[in-house]
Amino acid sequence: MVTQFVPLEAGMLVKSLGAESQEQDLLPREPYLTAGPNPFNPRTELRFGLTQAAATTIAVYDIRGRRVVQLMSEVLPAGHHTVTWKGSDDHGRGVASGVYFVRLDSGLVQKTQRLLLLR
C-alpha cells in the first residue's frame, strides 16, 4: 500500500498507516482528489474521498479540454477510493508527454487535479 495523507478535517491531514480496515473507518470530512506520483511515468494513482454516496465520474482531459479517457463512472459509497491511470486514452493508446487534468464529478462535488506525464 502506498503511504498517503488524506484530509480528515479542514487543515488537518491523517497519514494512512497501511491498515486498510482503519482507513475505511475514517470517512473524509470533505471531498478530496490527489494524484501520486506526479509527475509520473508510466502510471499514477488517483486517490479521492467522498463524504456521501453518489454517482461518480473520473475522466482525464488534455490541455485543450478534450477528454482523453474516462476512468470510471459508477455509484460509489462514501469513503476513500483509488483508481489508476496508465497514461493511455480510451482506445488503450499511450498519450504524449504533457500536462493533463483529471476531473472528479460526484453529486455536487467537482474537483480537478493537474497531472504531468513525462515519457
Foldseek 3Di string as FASTA:
>chain_A
DDWDWDAADVPDTDIDPPPVVVQQVRFHPDKDWDWPDFQDPQKIKIKIFANAWFFKWKFKAAPVGHTFATQDTGTDGGGMDITMDRQHGNVRHHDDFDKMKMWMDTPPDIDIDIGTYDD
